Amino acid sequence: MTTVVEIERLVASGHLDDAREELERLLAGEPDNSQAWFLLGGIYRRHELWGDAINAYNRAKLIDPEGPAAAAIESIYDILHFVNVDLMNP
């Protein structure tokens, strides 16, 4: 089985689809792996799949409330709620 460290290398080298597939396999056997859920959220975030990213980060946060997932969720909410008022007032 692929480890989280190996999957992080895939992500770092830009092989996001391969990393996602490996994470899904890993999580099938280790559903309480908060690092894997966090990495999966990051992959979804890079693909701008905001709902999937938030769901993955929420799973990570449930498992590890002190981990980085809460900040990642807030960051996504900031992105989704961004409004450029200059574009609204021509």
PDB file of N, CA and C in Angstrom:
ATOM      1  N   MET A   1       0.846  -1.188   0.000  1.00  0.00           N
ATOM      2  CA  MET A   1       0.000   0.000   0.000  1.00  0.00           C
ATOM      3  C   MET A   1       0.889   1.248   0.000  1.00  0.00           C
ATOM      4  N   THR A   2       0.458   2.244  -0.696  1.00  0.00           N
ATOM      5  CA  THR A   2       1.172   3.512  -0.771  1.00  0.00           C
ATOM      6  C   THR A   2       0.998   4.276   0.541  1.00  0.00           C
ATOM      7  N   THR A   3       2.064   4.931   0.983  1.00  0.00           N
ATOM      8  CA  THR A   3       2.014   5.708   2.223  1.00  0.00           C
ATOM      9  C   THR A   3       1.681   7.167   1.922  1.00  0.00           C
ATOM     10  N   VAL A   4       1.325   7.893   2.966  1.00  0.00           N
ATOM     11  CA  VAL A   4       1.022   9.318   2.828  1.00  0.00           C
ATOM     12  C   VAL A   4       2.246  10.066   2.297  1.00  0.00           C
ATOM     13  N   VAL A   5       3.432   9.698   2.750  1.00  0.00           N
ATOM     14  CA  VAL A   5       4.659  10.364   2.293  1.00  0.00           C
ATOM     15  C   VAL A   5       4.844  10.162   0.793  1.00  0.00           C
ATOM     16  N   GLU A   6       4.602   8.960   0.311  1.00  0.00           N
ATOM     17  CA  GLU A   6       4.718   8.695  -1.125  1.00  0.00           C
ATOM     18  C   GLU A   6       3.679   9.483  -1.915  1.00  0.00           C
ATOM     19  N   ILE A   7       2.491   9.590  -1.357  1.00  0.00           N
ATOM     20  CA  ILE A   7       1.437  10.356  -2.027  1.00  0.00           C
ATOM     21  C   ILE A   7       1.785  11.842  -2.034  1.00  0.00           C
ATOM     22  N   GLU A   8       2.372  12.334  -0.953  1.00  0.00           N
ATOM     23  CA  GLU A   8       2.812  13.733  -0.925  1.00  0.00           C
ATOM     24  C   GLU A   8       3.821  14.007  -2.038  1.00  0.00           C
ATOM     25  N   ARG A   9       4.671  13.041  -2.330  1.00  0.00           N
ATOM     26  CA  ARG A   9       5.638  13.200  -3.424  1.00  0.00           C
ATOM     27  C   ARG A   9       4.921  13.292  -4.768  1.00  0.00           C
ATOM     28  N   LEU A  10       3.872  12.483  -4.942  1.00  0.00           N
ATOM     29  CA  LEU A  10       3.086  12.565  -6.180  1.00  0.00           C
ATOM     30  C   LEU A  10       2.474  13.954  -6.326  1.00  0.00           C
ATOM     31  N   VAL A  11       1.919  14.463  -5.240  1.00  0.00           N
ATOM     32  CA  VAL A  11       1.309  15.799  -5.267  1.00  0.00           C
ATOM     33  C   VAL A  11       2.365  16.848  -5.604  1.00  0.00           C
ATOM     34  N   ALA A  12       3.512  16.769  -4.947  1.00  0.00           N
ATOM     35  CA  ALA A  12       4.576  17.753  -5.169  1.00  0.00           C
ATOM     36  C   ALA A  12       5.089  17.731  -6.604  1.00  0.00           C
ATOM     37  N   SER A  13       5.038  16.567  -7.240  1.00  0.00           N
ATOM     38  CA  SER A  13       5.512  16.468  -8.623  1.00  0.00           C
ATOM     39  C   SER A  13       4.403  16.728  -9.639  1.00  0.00           C
ATOM     40  N   GLY A  14       3.210  17.098  -9.147  1.00  0.00           N
ATOM     41  CA  GLY A  14       2.122  17.480 -10.040  1.00  0.00           C
ATOM     42  C   GLY A  14       1.266  16.340 -10.548  1.00  0.00           C
ATOM     43  N   HIS A  15       1.452  15.144 -10.021  1.00  0.00           N
ATOM     44  CA  HIS A  15       0.659  13.984 -10.445  1.00  0.00           C
ATOM     45  C   HIS A  15      -0.597  13.881  -9.569  1.00  0.00           C
ATOM     46  N   LEU A  16      -1.475  14.861  -9.724  1.00  0.00           N
ATOM     47  CA  LEU A  16      -2.630  14.974  -8.833  1.00  0.00           C
ATOM     48  C   LEU A  16      -3.638  13.850  -9.022  1.00  0.00           C
ATOM     49  N   ASP A  17      -3.878  13.439 -10.254  1.00  0.00           N
ATOM     50  CA  ASP A  17      -4.849  12.366 -10.477  1.00  0.00           C
ATOM     51  C   ASP A  17      -4.352  11.056  -9.888  1.00  0.00           C
ATOM     52  N   ASP A  18      -3.064  10.769 -10.069  1.00  0.00           N
ATOM     53  CA  ASP A  18      -2.488   9.559  -9.472  1.00  0.00           C
ATOM     54  C   ASP A  18      -2.548   9.635  -7.950  1.00  0.00           C
ATOM     55  N   ALA A  19      -2.245  10.806  -7.403  1.00  0.00           N
ATOM     56  CA  ALA A  19      -2.286  10.990  -5.954  1.00  0.00           C
ATOM     57  C   ALA A  19      -3.703  10.793  -5.426  1.00  0.00           C
ATOM     58  N   ARG A  20      -4.691  11.334  -6.134  1.00  0.00           N
ATOM     59  CA  ARG A  20      -6.088  11.169  -5.705  1.00  0.00           C
ATOM     60  C   ARG A  20      -6.475   9.701  -5.678  1.00  0.00           C
ATOM     61  N   GLU A  21      -6.106   8.966  -6.724  1.00  0.00           N
ATOM     62  CA  GLU A  21      -6.427   7.538  -6.777  1.00  0.00           C
ATOM     63  C   GLU A  21      -5.772   6.784  -5.622  1.00  0.00           C
ATOM     64  N   GLU A  22      -4.515   7.101  -5.340  1.00  0.00           N
ATOM     65  CA  GLU A  22      -3.811   6.440  -4.238  1.00  0.00           C
ATOM     66  C   GLU A  22      -4.436   6.805  -2.888  1.00  0.00           C
ATOM     67  N   LEU A  23      -4.849   8.054  -2.739  1.00  0.00           N
ATOM     68  CA  LEU A  23      -5.506   8.461  -1.497  1.00  0.00           C
ATOM     69  C   LEU A  23      -6.824   7.731  -1.306  1.00  0.00           C
ATOM     70  N   GLU A  24      -7.586   7.585  -2.374  1.00  0.00           N
ATOM     71  CA  GLU A  24      -8.858   6.867  -2.265  1.00  0.00           C
ATOM     72  C   GLU A  24      -8.627   5.420  -1.845  1.00  0.00           C
ATOM     73  N   ARG A  25      -7.571   4.789  -2.389  1.00  0.00           N
ATOM     74  CA  ARG A  25      -7.238   3.417  -1.986  1.00  0.00           C
ATOM     75  C   ARG A  25      -6.804   3.373  -0.521  1.00  0.00           C
ATOM     76  N   LEU A  26      -5.962   4.324  -0.146  1.00  0.00           N
ATOM     77  CA  LEU A  26      -5.479   4.373   1.231  1.00  0.00           C
ATOM     78  C   LEU A  26      -6.634   4.571   2.209  1.00  0.00           C
ATOM     79  N   LEU A  27      -7.528   5.490   1.882  1.00  0.00           N
ATOM     80  CA  LEU A  27      -8.648   5.794   2.774  1.00  0.00           C
ATOM     81  C   LEU A  27      -9.660   4.658   2.855  1.00  0.00           C
ATOM     82  N   ALA A  28      -9.726   3.823   1.828  1.00  0.00           N
ATOM     83  CA  ALA A  28     -10.609   2.654   1.890  1.00  0.00           C
ATOM     84  C   ALA A  28     -10.166   1.718   3.016  1.00  0.00           C
ATOM     85  N   GLY A  29      -8.860   1.658   3.252  1.00  0.00           N
ATOM     86  CA  GLY A  29      -8.337   0.810   4.317  1.00  0.00           C
ATOM     87  C   GLY A  29      -8.084   1.530   5.622  1.00  0.00           C
ATOM     88  N   GLU A  30      -7.915   2.852   5.548  1.00  0.00           N
ATOM     89  CA  GLU A  30      -7.625   3.669   6.731  1.00  0.00           C
ATOM     90  C   GLU A  30      -8.536   4.897   6.758  1.00  0.00           C
ATOM     91  N   PRO A  31      -9.830   4.708   6.996  1.00  0.00           N
ATOM     92  CA  PRO A  31     -10.760   5.843   6.917  1.00  0.00           C
ATOM     93  C   PRO A  31     -10.546   6.909   7.991  1.00  0.00           C
ATOM     94  N   ASP A  32      -9.746   6.627   9.009  1.00  0.00           N
ATOM     95  CA  ASP A  32      -9.490   7.610  10.064  1.00  0.00           C
ATOM     96  C   ASP A  32      -8.125   8.278   9.926  1.00  0.00           C
ATOM     97  N   ASN A  33      -7.575   8.277   8.727  1.00  0.00           N
ATOM     98  CA  ASN A  33      -6.271   8.885   8.478  1.00  0.00           C
ATOM     99  C   ASN A  33      -6.482  10.361   8.134  1.00  0.00           C
ATOM    100  N   SER A  34      -6.298  11.220   9.117  1.00  0.00           N
ATOM    101  CA  SER A  34      -6.577  12.651   8.910  1.00  0.00           C
ATOM    102  C   SER A  34      -5.632  13.277   7.893  1.00  0.00           C
ATOM    103  N   GLN A  35      -4.381  12.826   7.843  1.00  0.00           N
ATOM    104  CA  GLN A  35      -3.434  13.369   6.858  1.00  0.00           C
ATOM    105  C   GLN A  35      -3.903  13.067   5.440  1.00  0.00           C
ATOM    106  N   ALA A  36      -4.401  11.861   5.233  1.00  0.00           N
ATOM    107  CA  ALA A  36      -4.868  11.478   3.901  1.00  0.00           C
ATOM    108  C   ALA A  36      -6.082  12.310   3.500  1.00  0.00           C
ATOM    109  N   TRP A  37      -7.010  12.521   4.430  1.00  0.00           N
ATOM    110  CA  TRP A  37      -8.178  13.354   4.124  1.00  0.00           C
ATOM    111  C   TRP A  37      -7.751  14.784   3.811  1.00  0.00           C
ATOM    112  N   PHE A  38      -6.764  15.295   4.572  1.00  0.00           N
ATOM    113  CA  PHE A  38      -6.278  16.647   4.334  1.00  0.00           C
ATOM    114  C   PHE A  38      -5.638  16.758   2.949  1.00  0.00           C
ATOM    115  N   LEU A  39      -4.822  15.784   2.574  1.00  0.00           N
ATOM    116  CA  LEU A  39      -4.209  15.790   1.245  1.00  0.00           C
ATOM    117  C   LEU A  39      -5.261  15.715   0.149  1.00  0.00           C
ATOM    118  N   LEU A  40      -6.270  14.870   0.356  1.00  0.00           N
ATOM    119  CA  LEU A  40      -7.339  14.754  -0.632  1.00  0.00           C
ATOM    120  C   LEU A  40      -8.065  16.091  -0.781  1.00  0.00           C
ATOM    121  N   GLY A  41      -8.311  16.761   0.329  1.00  0.00           N
ATOM    122  CA  GLY A  41      -8.919  18.089   0.267  1.00  0.00           C
ATOM    123  C   GLY A  41      -8.077  19.064  -0.530  1.00  0.00           C
ATOM    124  N   GLY A  42      -6.772  18.982  -0.371  1.00  0.00           N
ATOM    125  CA  GLY A  42      -5.874  19.852  -1.124  1.00  0.00           C
ATOM    126  C   GLY A  42      -5.918  19.596  -2.620  1.00  0.00           C
ATOM    127  N   ILE A  43      -6.040  18.332  -2.989  1.00  0.00           N
ATOM    128  CA  ILE A  43      -6.145  17.993  -4.414  1.00  0.00           C
ATOM    129  C   ILE A  43      -7.450  18.531  -4.978  1.00  0.00           C
ATOM    130  N   TYR A  44      -8.538  18.320  -4.254  1.00  0.00           N
ATOM    131  CA  TYR A  44      -9.822  18.857  -4.711  1.00  0.00           C
ATOM    132  C   TYR A  44      -9.759  20.382  -4.810  1.00  0.00           C
ATOM    133  N   ARG A  45      -9.086  20.996  -3.868  1.00  0.00           N
ATOM    134  CA  ARG A  45      -8.963  22.457  -3.870  1.00  0.00           C
ATOM    135  C   ARG A  45      -8.217  22.936  -5.116  1.00  0.00           C
ATOM    136  N   ARG A  46      -7.154  22.252  -5.467  1.00  0.00           N
ATOM    137  CA  ARG A  46      -6.396  22.636  -6.666  1.00  0.00           C
ATOM    138  C   ARG A  46      -7.232  22.510  -7.931  1.00  0.00           C
ATOM    139  N   HIS A  47      -8.174  21.584  -7.917  1.00  0.00           N
ATOM    140  CA  HIS A  47      -9.071  21.412  -9.065  1.00  0.00           C
ATOM    141  C   HIS A  47     -10.317  22.299  -8.951  1.00  0.00           C
ATOM    142  N   GLU A  48     -10.357  23.132  -7.921  1.00  0.00           N
ATOM    143  CA  GLU A  48     -11.485  24.027  -7.646  1.00  0.00           C
ATOM    144  C   GLU A  48     -12.798  23.269  -7.456  1.00  0.00           C
ATOM    145  N   LEU A  49     -12.709  22.088  -6.890  1.00  0.00           N
ATOM    146  CA  LEU A  49     -13.884  21.309  -6.508  1.00  0.00           C
ATOM    147  C   LEU A  49     -14.155  21.636  -5.037  1.00  0.00           C
ATOM    148  N   TRP A  50     -14.717  22.818  -4.835  1.00  0.00           N
ATOM    149  CA  TRP A  50     -14.814  23.393  -3.497  1.00  0.00           C
ATOM    150  C   TRP A  50     -15.614  22.534  -2.529  1.00  0.00           C
ATOM    151  N   GLY A  51     -16.749  22.028  -2.946  1.00  0.00           N
ATOM    152  CA  GLY A  51     -17.569  21.202  -2.059  1.00  0.00           C
ATOM    153  C   GLY A  51     -16.849  19.935  -1.640  1.00  0.00           C
ATOM    154  N   ASP A  52     -16.209  19.270  -2.600  1.00  0.00           N
ATOM    155  CA  ASP A  52     -15.453  18.060  -2.278  1.00  0.00           C
ATOM    156  C   ASP A  52     -14.288  18.384  -1.347  1.00  0.00           C
ATOM    157  N   ALA A  53     -13.634  19.515  -1.589  1.00  0.00           N
ATOM    158  CA  ALA A  53     -12.512  19.918  -0.733  1.00  0.00           C
ATOM    159  C   ALA A  53     -12.989  20.159   0.696  1.00  0.00           C
ATOM    160  N   ILE A  54     -14.085  20.884   0.842  1.00  0.00           N
ATOM    161  CA  ILE A  54     -14.616  21.160   2.181  1.00  0.00           C
ATOM    162  C   ILE A  54     -15.008  19.862   2.874  1.00  0.00           C
ATOM    163  N   ASN A  55     -15.640  18.947   2.144  1.00  0.00           N
ATOM    164  CA  ASN A  55     -16.024  17.667   2.741  1.00  0.00           C
ATOM    165  C   ASN A  55     -14.807  16.884   3.220  1.00  0.00           C
ATOM    166  N   ALA A  56     -13.757  16.832   2.399  1.00  0.00           N
ATOM    167  CA  ALA A  56     -12.544  16.112   2.789  1.00  0.00           C
ATOM    168  C   ALA A  56     -11.883  16.786   3.993  1.00  0.00           C
ATOM    169  N   TYR A  57     -11.802  18.108   3.968  1.00  0.00           N
ATOM    170  CA  TYR A  57     -11.218  18.825   5.101  1.00  0.00           C
ATOM    171  C   TYR A  57     -12.052  18.622   6.368  1.00  0.00           C
ATOM    172  N   ASN A  58     -13.373  18.584   6.236  1.00  0.00           N
ATOM    173  CA  ASN A  58     -14.221  18.338   7.405  1.00  0.00           C
ATOM    174  C   ASN A  58     -13.971  16.958   7.995  1.00  0.00           C
ATOM    175  N   ARG A  59     -13.761  15.957   7.136  1.00  0.00           N
ATOM    176  CA  ARG A  59     -13.425  14.615   7.638  1.00  0.00           C
ATOM    177  C   ARG A  59     -12.114  14.666   8.415  1.00  0.00           C
ATOM    178  N   ALA A  60     -11.121  15.372   7.865  1.00  0.00           N
ATOM    179  CA  ALA A  60      -9.833  15.502   8.556  1.00  0.00           C
ATOM    180  C   ALA A  60     -10.010  16.217   9.891  1.00  0.00           C
ATOM    181  N   LYS A  61     -10.834  17.245   9.901  1.00  0.00           N
ATOM    182  CA  LYS A  61     -11.067  18.037  11.118  1.00  0.00           C
ATOM    183  C   LYS A  61     -11.786  17.220  12.192  1.00  0.00           C
ATOM    184  N   LEU A  62     -12.711  16.360  11.786  1.00  0.00           N
ATOM    185  CA  LEU A  62     -13.400  15.500  12.750  1.00  0.00           C
ATOM    186  C   LEU A  62     -12.425  14.539  13.419  1.00  0.00           C
ATOM    187  N   ILE A  63     -11.476  14.044  12.642  1.00  0.00           N
ATOM    188  CA  ILE A  63     -10.499  13.088  13.159  1.00  0.00           C
ATOM    189  C   ILE A  63      -9.441  13.796  14.000  1.00  0.00           C
ATOM    190  N   ASP A  64      -8.993  14.954  13.540  1.00  0.00           N
ATOM    191  CA  ASP A  64      -7.934  15.714  14.214  1.00  0.00           C
ATOM    192  C   ASP A  64      -8.354  17.176  14.332  1.00  0.00           C
ATOM    193  N   PRO A  65      -9.128  17.507  15.365  1.00  0.00           N
ATOM    194  CA  PRO A  65      -9.636  18.874  15.507  1.00  0.00           C
ATOM    195  C   PRO A  65      -8.546  19.941  15.629  1.00  0.00           C
ATOM    196  N   GLU A  66      -7.357  19.563  16.033  1.00  0.00           N
ATOM    197  CA  GLU A  66      -6.259  20.515  16.194  1.00  0.00           C
ATOM    198  C   GLU A  66      -5.400  20.628  14.938  1.00  0.00           C
ATOM    199  N   GLY A  67      -5.715  19.875  13.897  1.00  0.00           N
ATOM    200  CA  GLY A  67      -4.915  19.865  12.676  1.00  0.00           C
ATOM    201  C   GLY A  67      -5.177  21.074  11.789  1.00  0.00           C
ATOM    202  N   PRO A  68      -4.561  21.084  10.613  1.00  0.00           N
ATOM    203  CA  PRO A  68      -4.631  22.243   9.717  1.00  0.00           C
ATOM    204  C   PRO A  68      -5.923  22.350   8.902  1.00  0.00           C
ATOM    205  N   ALA A  69      -6.805  21.385   9.008  1.00  0.00           N
ATOM    206  CA  ALA A  69      -8.001  21.381   8.162  1.00  0.00           C
ATOM    207  C   ALA A  69      -8.923  22.568   8.425  1.00  0.00           C
ATOM    208  N   ALA A  70      -9.049  22.980   9.669  1.00  0.00           N
ATOM    209  CA  ALA A  70      -9.948  24.105   9.978  1.00  0.00           C
ATOM    210  C   ALA A  70      -9.515  25.368   9.246  1.00  0.00           C
ATOM    211  N   ALA A  71      -8.216  25.627   9.224  1.00  0.00           N
ATOM    212  CA  ALA A  71      -7.710  26.809   8.519  1.00  0.00           C
ATOM    213  C   ALA A  71      -7.941  26.683   7.018  1.00  0.00           C
ATOM    214  N   ALA A  72      -7.811  25.478   6.493  1.00  0.00           N
ATOM    215  CA  ALA A  72      -8.035  25.263   5.060  1.00  0.00           C
ATOM    216  C   ALA A  72      -9.496  25.514   4.693  1.00  0.00           C
ATOM    217  N   ILE A  73     -10.403  25.093   5.554  1.00  0.00           N
ATOM    218  CA  ILE A  73     -11.830  25.322   5.313  1.00  0.00           C
ATOM    219  C   ILE A  73     -12.117  26.824   5.296  1.00  0.00           C
ATOM    220  N   GLU A  74     -11.588  27.543   6.266  1.00  0.00           N
ATOM    221  CA  GLU A  74     -11.787  28.997   6.320  1.00  0.00           C
ATOM    222  C   GLU A  74     -11.224  29.672   5.078  1.00  0.00           C
ATOM    223  N   SER A  75     -10.100  29.190   4.604  1.00  0.00           N
ATOM    224  CA  SER A  75      -9.493  29.752   3.397  1.00  0.00           C
ATOM    225  C   SER A  75     -10.407  29.576   2.189  1.00  0.00           C
ATOM    226  N   ILE A  76     -11.022  28.414   2.077  1.00  0.00           N
ATOM    227  CA  ILE A  76     -11.957  28.178   0.969  1.00  0.00           C
ATOM    228  C   ILE A  76     -13.156  29.110   1.091  1.00  0.00           C
ATOM    229  N   TYR A  77     -13.686  29.252   2.301  1.00  0.00           N
ATOM    230  CA  TYR A  77     -14.818  30.167   2.483  1.00  0.00           C
ATOM    231  C   TYR A  77     -14.433  31.595   2.100  1.00  0.00           C
ATOM    232  N   ASP A  78     -13.213  32.002   2.417  1.00  0.00           N
ATOM    233  CA  ASP A  78     -12.742  33.332   2.011  1.00  0.00           C
ATOM    234  C   ASP A  78     -12.726  33.464   0.493  1.00  0.00           C
ATOM    235  N   ILE A  79     -12.256  32.431  -0.186  1.00  0.00           N
ATOM    236  CA  ILE A  79     -12.218  32.440  -1.652  1.00  0.00           C
ATOM    237  C   ILE A  79     -13.633  32.529  -2.216  1.00  0.00           C
ATOM    238  N   LEU A  80     -14.533  31.724  -1.682  1.00  0.00           N
ATOM    239  CA  LEU A  80     -15.895  31.672  -2.215  1.00  0.00           C
ATOM    240  C   LEU A  80     -16.691  32.939  -1.930  1.00  0.00           C
ATOM    241  N   HIS A  81     -16.337  33.648  -0.876  1.00  0.00           N
ATOM    242  CA  HIS A  81     -17.076  34.855  -0.515  1.00  0.00           C
ATOM    243  C   HIS A  81     -16.410  36.141  -0.990  1.00  0.00           C
ATOM    244  N   PHE A  82     -15.330  36.008  -1.751  1.00  0.00           N
ATOM    245  CA  PHE A  82     -14.631  37.185  -2.256  1.00  0.00           C
ATOM    246  C   PHE A  82     -15.506  37.912  -3.271  1.00  0.00           C
ATOM    247  N   VAL A  83     -15.586  39.208  -3.120  1.00  0.00           N
ATOM    248  CA  VAL A  83     -16.334  40.051  -4.048  1.00  0.00           C
ATOM    249  C   VAL A  83     -15.437  41.222  -4.437  1.00  0.00           C
ATOM    250  N   ASN A  84     -15.270  41.418  -5.719  1.00  0.00           N
ATOM    251  CA  ASN A  84     -14.506  42.564  -6.208  1.00  0.00           C
ATOM    252  C   ASN A  84     -15.508  43.669  -6.534  1.00  0.00           C
ATOM    253  N   VAL A  85     -15.650  44.619  -5.621  1.00  0.00           N
ATOM    254  CA  VAL A  85     -16.650  45.675  -5.801  1.00  0.00           C
ATOM    255  C   VAL A  85     -16.329  46.564  -6.991  1.00  0.00           C
ATOM    256  N   ASP A  86     -15.066  46.646  -7.401  1.00  0.00           N
ATOM    257  CA  ASP A  86     -14.717  47.452  -8.572  1.00  0.00           C
ATOM    258  C   ASP A  86     -15.366  46.908  -9.840  1.00  0.00           C
ATOM    259  N   LEU A  87     -15.567  45.610  -9.894  1.00  0.00           N
ATOM    260  CA  LEU A  87     -16.221  45.018 -11.063  1.00  0.00           C
ATOM    261  C   LEU A  87     -17.728  45.247 -11.046  1.00  0.00           C
ATOM    262  N   MET A  88     -18.265  45.533  -9.871  1.00  0.00           N
ATOM    263  CA  MET A  88     -19.704  45.740  -9.749  1.00  0.00           C
ATOM    264  C   MET A  88     -20.098  47.187 -10.032  1.00  0.00           C
ATOM    265  N   ASN A  89     -19.153  48.109  -9.968  1.00  0.00           N
ATOM    266  CA  ASN A  89     -19.438  49.529 -10.153  1.00  0.00           C
ATOM    267  C   ASN A  89     -18.618  50.071 -11.320  1.00  0.00           C
ATOM    268  N   PRO A  90     -19.112  49.914 -12.530  1.00  0.00           N
ATOM    269  CA  PRO A  90     -18.328  50.358 -13.698  1.00  0.00           C
ATOM    270  C   PRO A  90     -18.160  51.858 -13.770  1.00  0.00           C
TER     271      PRO A  90
END
